[in-house]
Amino acid sequence: MDSESTVTTCYRHPAVECHVRCARCERFICPDCMREAPVGHRCPECVKEGARSVRQARTIAGGRVSATPVVTYALFALNVVAYLAEVVRPEIVDRFSMVGARLIGPDGGHLSADGAYFVFGSLRTEGVAGGEWERMLTASFLHVSPFDGAFGILHITLNMVALWQLGRVVELMLGRLRFVVLYLLSALGGSVAQLLLADPGQSSVGASGAVFGVGAAYYVLHRRLGADLAAVNRLMMLLLLWLVVSAGFTSWQGHLGGLLAGGAVAPAFAYAPRDGRRAAVQTGACAALLALLAVATVSRVAELTGSGISL
């Protein structure tokens, strides 16, 4: 007696006859839906479900693992592009450099904050105290003009070499997002130190503060991993030596501020508990540092504007 065989079709393509089952859910799948598995084949849905259940690799700080330091390359490119822009328009440096408070006369010239000038009026304040808050970040992407002698070229060269060497390592150890946060907080730390410790009318530029912060993270992360610190210690000694030597002709305040800011954030990234609290601890540490920098900045600006600098 003949019996009519049952025709089986793909669960995703009912018009296609097939005889292979998914090794996981046992539904019939056609050749277009077959995905290679350690044993047999799986359907696309089971492959996706399996991918979601696989634990993703993370950096020591909990960031996503990447093989290419994209952020470091982007920061390097931004600094170079900004430097080329300075060549075309040198006034960019004066407009976006880090300045606490500086009096500007009717003709646009810079005046000292001497009380003798106040009686004439028509003066305005430029800089952070004048509401130009963006200077605290834009200054970190500018460098000494190439028209200011040999040091103009040396300034950006030293900073970019350090960023290239340190940034590529630290970014891969932290992950892209955490590296961006570290870099920007270090840059802000340098600007705040400049605002607090330097002459408010002094202009400063450079990625040094951010680079010093990255250097601090480089040291902390290698200690966290238990790496051989001989080479790391030598690097830190060079950074500290540069901090001292450069005090005579660069903004050591910015260097110091960046170093301290990076040194404050890096331990939170490196030593935060490796559980559900890690992101909260790291976010809290960054927020606390940002709040501290904001309070210091607002206090200093209030001091400058209340002293008669701003009219």
Protein backbone atom coordinates (compact mmCIF):
# COMPACT_ATOMS: atom_id res chain seq x y z
CA MET A 1 0.00 0.00 0.00
CA ASP A 2 1.46 3.40 -1.01
CA SER A 3 1.57 6.21 1.52
CA GLU A 4 1.80 9.86 0.58
CA SER A 5 5.00 11.37 2.01
CA THR A 6 4.80 14.64 3.93
CA VAL A 7 6.55 17.58 2.23
CA THR A 8 8.64 19.71 4.60
CA THR A 9 9.38 23.34 3.84
CA CYS A 10 11.64 26.04 5.24
CA TYR A 11 10.08 27.95 8.10
CA ARG A 12 11.31 31.23 6.59
CA HIS A 13 10.57 30.34 2.98
CA PRO A 14 7.40 28.18 2.93
CA ALA A 15 7.61 27.70 -0.84
CA VAL A 16 10.99 25.97 -0.64
CA GLU A 17 11.08 22.24 0.09
CA CYS A 18 13.86 21.19 2.42
CA HIS A 19 14.90 18.29 4.65
CA VAL A 20 17.53 19.83 6.97
CA ARG A 21 16.70 20.91 10.52
CA CYS A 22 18.36 23.64 12.59
CA ALA A 23 20.63 21.93 15.12
CA ARG A 24 19.32 24.21 17.87
CA CYS A 25 15.58 24.81 17.34
CA GLU A 26 15.01 21.82 14.98
CA ARG A 27 13.00 23.85 12.47
CA PHE A 28 13.45 23.02 8.82
CA ILE A 29 15.74 25.38 6.92
CA CYS A 30 16.58 25.74 3.25
CA PRO A 31 20.12 26.16 1.85
CA ASP A 32 19.77 29.98 1.90
CA CYS A 33 19.01 29.90 5.63
CA MET A 34 21.70 27.41 6.63
CA ARG A 35 24.52 28.75 8.78
CA GLU A 36 27.54 26.62 9.58
CA ALA A 37 27.72 25.47 13.21
CA PRO A 38 30.16 23.26 15.15
CA VAL A 39 27.64 20.46 14.66
CA GLY A 40 25.27 20.62 11.69
CA HIS A 41 23.63 23.88 10.65
CA ARG A 42 21.68 26.61 12.41
CA CYS A 43 19.01 29.02 11.29
CA PRO A 44 19.69 32.81 11.19
CA GLU A 45 17.61 33.48 14.32
CA CYS A 46 19.51 30.95 16.41
CA VAL A 47 22.81 32.36 15.15
CA LYS A 48 21.77 35.87 16.28
CA GLU A 49 20.58 34.57 19.65
CA GLY A 50 23.86 32.77 20.15
CA ALA A 51 25.84 35.90 19.31
CA ARG A 52 23.92 37.88 21.94
CA SER A 53 24.74 35.31 24.60
CA VAL A 54 28.49 35.39 23.90
CA ARG A 55 30.31 37.66 26.34
CA GLN A 56 32.02 40.50 24.50
CA ALA A 57 35.70 41.14 25.18
CA ARG A 58 36.36 44.28 27.22
CA THR A 59 39.39 46.42 27.96
CA ILE A 60 40.86 46.66 31.44
CA ALA A 61 38.60 49.68 32.03
CA GLY A 62 35.49 48.01 30.65
CA GLY A 63 35.49 49.62 27.23
CA ARG A 64 34.97 47.92 23.91
CA VAL A 65 38.06 46.29 22.49
CA SER A 66 39.29 47.76 19.20
CA ALA A 67 42.38 47.11 17.16
CA THR A 68 42.72 50.63 15.73
CA PRO A 69 43.25 53.77 17.87
CA VAL A 70 40.82 55.86 15.82
CA VAL A 71 40.45 58.61 18.44
CA THR A 72 44.21 59.16 18.67
CA TYR A 73 44.41 59.47 14.90
CA ALA A 74 41.50 61.92 14.89
CA LEU A 75 43.01 64.08 17.65
CA PHE A 76 46.34 64.09 15.85
CA ALA A 77 44.63 65.18 12.63
CA LEU A 78 42.63 67.94 14.39
CA ASN A 79 45.79 69.41 15.88
CA VAL A 80 47.59 69.36 12.54
CA VAL A 81 44.62 70.90 10.70
CA ALA A 82 44.34 73.62 13.35
CA TYR A 83 48.05 74.35 12.98
CA LEU A 84 47.71 74.69 9.22
CA ALA A 85 44.77 77.03 9.80
CA GLU A 86 47.04 79.18 11.97
CA VAL A 87 49.44 79.52 9.05
CA VAL A 88 46.64 80.86 6.86
CA ARG A 89 44.97 82.97 9.55
CA PRO A 90 47.34 83.76 12.45
CA GLU A 91 44.57 85.67 14.28
CA ILE A 92 43.00 82.31 15.17
CA VAL A 93 45.58 81.88 17.92
CA ASP A 94 44.66 85.19 19.55
CA ARG A 95 40.92 84.48 19.36
CA PHE A 96 40.89 80.91 20.68
CA SER A 97 43.91 80.72 22.99
CA MET A 98 43.46 80.27 26.73
CA VAL A 99 43.13 83.73 28.32
CA GLY A 100 41.69 84.36 31.76
CA ALA A 101 40.87 88.06 31.42
CA ARG A 102 42.31 90.73 29.16
CA LEU A 103 41.14 94.28 28.53
CA ILE A 104 40.53 95.37 24.95
CA GLY A 105 40.54 99.01 23.94
CA PRO A 106 38.33 100.75 21.35
CA ASP A 107 40.84 100.02 18.61
CA GLY A 108 41.01 96.32 19.48
CA GLY A 109 44.40 96.60 21.12
CA HIS A 110 45.24 94.84 24.37
CA LEU A 111 45.50 97.03 27.45
CA SER A 112 46.82 96.27 30.88
CA ALA A 113 44.33 96.11 33.73
CA ASP A 114 45.62 99.36 35.18
CA GLY A 115 43.01 101.51 36.89
CA ALA A 116 44.16 104.54 34.88
CA TYR A 117 42.43 103.13 31.83
CA PHE A 118 39.09 102.63 33.50
CA VAL A 119 37.99 106.26 33.39
CA PHE A 120 37.84 106.29 29.61
CA GLY A 121 35.20 103.55 29.38
CA SER A 122 34.59 101.75 26.09
CA LEU A 123 36.74 98.90 27.33
CA ARG A 124 35.67 95.30 27.22
CA THR A 125 37.03 92.12 28.68
CA GLU A 126 37.95 89.15 26.52
CA GLY A 127 38.84 85.69 27.71
CA VAL A 128 37.07 83.29 30.04
CA ALA A 129 36.07 86.15 32.35
CA GLY A 130 34.46 87.82 29.34
CA GLY A 131 32.23 84.82 28.68
CA GLU A 132 34.48 83.11 26.13
CA TRP A 133 34.31 79.72 27.84
CA GLU A 134 35.17 77.84 24.67
CA ARG A 135 38.79 78.96 25.05
CA MET A 136 39.24 76.35 27.78
CA LEU A 137 39.03 73.61 25.15
CA THR A 138 39.97 75.28 21.88
CA ALA A 139 43.36 76.28 23.29
CA SER A 140 44.23 72.57 23.55
CA PHE A 141 44.07 72.21 19.77
CA LEU A 142 46.28 75.22 19.01
CA HIS A 143 50.04 75.66 19.26
CA VAL A 144 52.63 78.38 19.14
CA SER A 145 52.50 80.04 15.75
CA PRO A 146 55.00 78.77 13.17
CA PHE A 147 55.97 82.42 12.66
CA ASP A 148 57.31 82.67 16.24
CA GLY A 149 60.70 81.17 15.51
CA ALA A 150 61.94 77.59 15.77
CA PHE A 151 59.92 76.84 18.90
CA GLY A 152 56.72 77.31 16.94
CA ILE A 153 57.45 74.13 14.98
CA LEU A 154 59.05 72.38 17.95
CA HIS A 155 55.99 72.99 20.14
CA ILE A 156 53.51 71.04 18.02
CA THR A 157 56.15 68.46 17.05
CA LEU A 158 56.88 67.47 20.65
CA ASN A 159 53.20 67.32 21.55
CA MET A 160 52.22 65.26 18.53
CA VAL A 161 55.09 62.79 19.01
CA ALA A 162 54.00 62.30 22.63
CA LEU A 163 50.33 61.97 21.62
CA TRP A 164 51.20 59.45 18.93
CA GLN A 165 53.34 57.33 21.25
CA LEU A 166 51.12 57.47 24.35
CA GLY A 167 47.66 57.89 22.87
CA ARG A 168 47.70 54.76 20.74
CA VAL A 169 48.56 52.61 23.76
CA VAL A 170 46.22 54.25 26.27
CA GLU A 171 43.26 54.31 23.88
CA LEU A 172 43.48 50.57 23.26
CA MET A 173 43.75 49.97 27.01
CA LEU A 174 40.77 52.17 27.90
CA GLY A 175 38.49 52.00 24.89
CA ARG A 176 37.51 54.92 22.68
CA LEU A 177 34.86 56.57 24.82
CA ARG A 178 36.90 56.52 28.02
CA PHE A 179 39.94 57.80 26.17
CA VAL A 180 37.97 60.78 24.82
CA VAL A 181 36.76 61.57 28.35
CA LEU A 182 40.28 61.30 29.75
CA TYR A 183 41.72 63.55 27.04
CA LEU A 184 39.08 66.27 27.36
CA LEU A 185 39.12 66.31 31.18
CA SER A 186 42.92 66.55 31.12
CA ALA A 187 42.70 69.43 28.65
CA LEU A 188 40.18 71.18 30.91
CA GLY A 189 42.37 70.51 33.93
CA GLY A 190 45.26 72.25 32.19
CA SER A 191 43.12 75.27 31.34
CA VAL A 192 41.74 75.54 34.87
CA ALA A 193 45.25 75.42 36.34
CA GLN A 194 46.26 78.14 33.89
CA LEU A 195 43.29 80.22 34.98
CA LEU A 196 44.05 79.76 38.69
CA LEU A 197 47.84 80.00 38.78
CA ALA A 198 48.95 82.17 35.88
CA ASP A 199 48.62 85.84 35.02
CA PRO A 200 44.99 86.18 33.82
CA GLY A 201 46.12 88.20 30.83
CA GLN A 202 48.66 85.60 29.75
CA SER A 203 47.79 83.68 26.58
CA SER A 204 48.57 79.97 26.37
CA VAL A 205 48.01 77.26 23.77
CA GLY A 206 48.96 73.65 23.28
CA ALA A 207 47.89 70.05 23.70
CA SER A 208 50.46 69.59 26.47
CA GLY A 209 47.92 69.50 29.30
CA ALA A 210 45.92 66.75 27.60
CA VAL A 211 49.11 64.85 26.72
CA PHE A 212 50.34 65.02 30.30
CA GLY A 213 46.99 63.58 31.40
CA VAL A 214 47.37 60.73 28.93
CA GLY A 215 50.88 60.17 30.30
CA ALA A 216 49.49 59.87 33.83
CA ALA A 217 46.95 57.30 32.61
CA TYR A 218 49.72 55.40 30.82
CA TYR A 219 51.53 55.02 34.13
CA VAL A 220 48.46 54.07 36.18
CA LEU A 221 47.21 51.49 33.68
CA HIS A 222 50.57 49.74 33.45
CA ARG A 223 50.76 49.55 37.23
CA ARG A 224 47.27 48.08 37.26
CA LEU A 225 48.35 45.36 34.82
CA GLY A 226 51.48 44.58 36.82
CA ALA A 227 53.69 45.30 33.82
CA ASP A 228 57.45 45.82 33.98
CA LEU A 229 57.65 49.45 35.08
CA ALA A 230 61.27 50.12 34.14
CA ALA A 231 60.43 51.67 30.76
CA VAL A 232 57.24 53.25 32.13
CA ASN A 233 59.15 54.92 34.97
CA ARG A 234 61.72 56.30 32.54
CA LEU A 235 58.93 57.81 30.47
CA MET A 236 57.33 59.41 33.52
CA MET A 237 60.71 60.82 34.59
CA LEU A 238 61.06 62.42 31.15
CA LEU A 239 57.58 63.93 31.44
CA LEU A 240 58.30 65.32 34.91
CA LEU A 241 61.67 66.63 33.74
CA TRP A 242 59.96 68.37 30.83
CA LEU A 243 57.44 69.84 33.28
CA VAL A 244 60.31 71.44 35.24
CA VAL A 245 62.48 72.47 32.28
CA SER A 246 59.59 73.94 30.31
CA ALA A 247 58.55 76.16 33.22
CA GLY A 248 60.82 78.89 31.89
CA PHE A 249 59.24 79.22 28.45
CA THR A 250 55.88 77.42 28.37
CA SER A 251 52.73 77.19 30.47
CA TRP A 252 53.87 74.84 33.24
CA GLN A 253 50.51 75.50 34.91
CA GLY A 254 48.73 73.80 32.01
CA HIS A 255 51.13 70.86 32.14
CA LEU A 256 50.60 70.42 35.86
CA GLY A 257 46.82 70.74 35.63
CA GLY A 258 46.60 68.15 32.88
CA LEU A 259 48.84 65.75 34.78
CA LEU A 260 46.75 66.05 37.94
CA ALA A 261 43.43 65.71 36.09
CA GLY A 262 44.58 62.64 34.18
CA GLY A 263 46.05 61.21 37.37
CA ALA A 264 42.68 61.66 39.10
CA VAL A 265 40.60 60.00 36.37
CA ALA A 266 42.91 57.12 35.47
CA PRO A 267 42.63 55.22 38.80
CA ALA A 268 38.84 55.28 38.55
CA PHE A 269 39.08 53.73 35.09
CA ALA A 270 41.73 51.19 36.07
CA TYR A 271 40.60 50.10 39.55
CA ALA A 272 36.80 50.36 39.40
CA PRO A 273 35.14 47.10 40.50
CA ARG A 274 34.63 44.69 37.63
CA ASP A 275 30.91 44.22 38.08
CA GLY A 276 27.73 46.18 37.54
CA ARG A 277 29.11 49.06 39.59
CA ARG A 278 32.06 49.77 37.31
CA ALA A 279 30.32 52.19 34.96
CA ALA A 280 28.72 54.02 37.88
CA VAL A 281 32.03 54.40 39.72
CA GLN A 282 33.81 55.66 36.61
CA THR A 283 31.02 58.05 35.67
CA GLY A 284 30.85 59.35 39.23
CA ALA A 285 34.60 60.00 39.36
CA CYS A 286 34.54 61.89 36.04
CA ALA A 287 31.49 63.90 37.10
CA ALA A 288 33.11 64.77 40.42
CA LEU A 289 36.27 66.00 38.70
CA LEU A 290 34.24 68.00 36.17
CA ALA A 291 32.25 69.57 39.00
CA LEU A 292 35.44 70.48 40.86
CA LEU A 293 36.91 72.08 37.74
CA ALA A 294 33.65 73.97 37.15
CA VAL A 295 33.54 75.31 40.71
CA ALA A 296 37.18 76.40 40.54
CA THR A 297 36.58 78.13 37.20
CA VAL A 298 33.43 79.95 38.31
CA SER A 299 35.11 81.07 41.54
CA ARG A 300 38.12 82.42 39.70
CA VAL A 301 35.96 84.21 37.12
CA ALA A 302 33.90 85.77 39.91
CA GLU A 303 37.13 86.94 41.50
CA LEU A 304 38.37 88.48 38.26
CA THR A 305 35.11 90.19 37.34
CA GLY A 306 34.59 91.41 40.90
CA SER A 307 38.03 93.00 41.02
CA GLY A 308 37.30 95.51 38.29
CA ILE A 309 38.87 93.63 35.39
CA SER A 310 35.52 93.43 33.60
CA LEU A 311 33.73 96.71 32.88
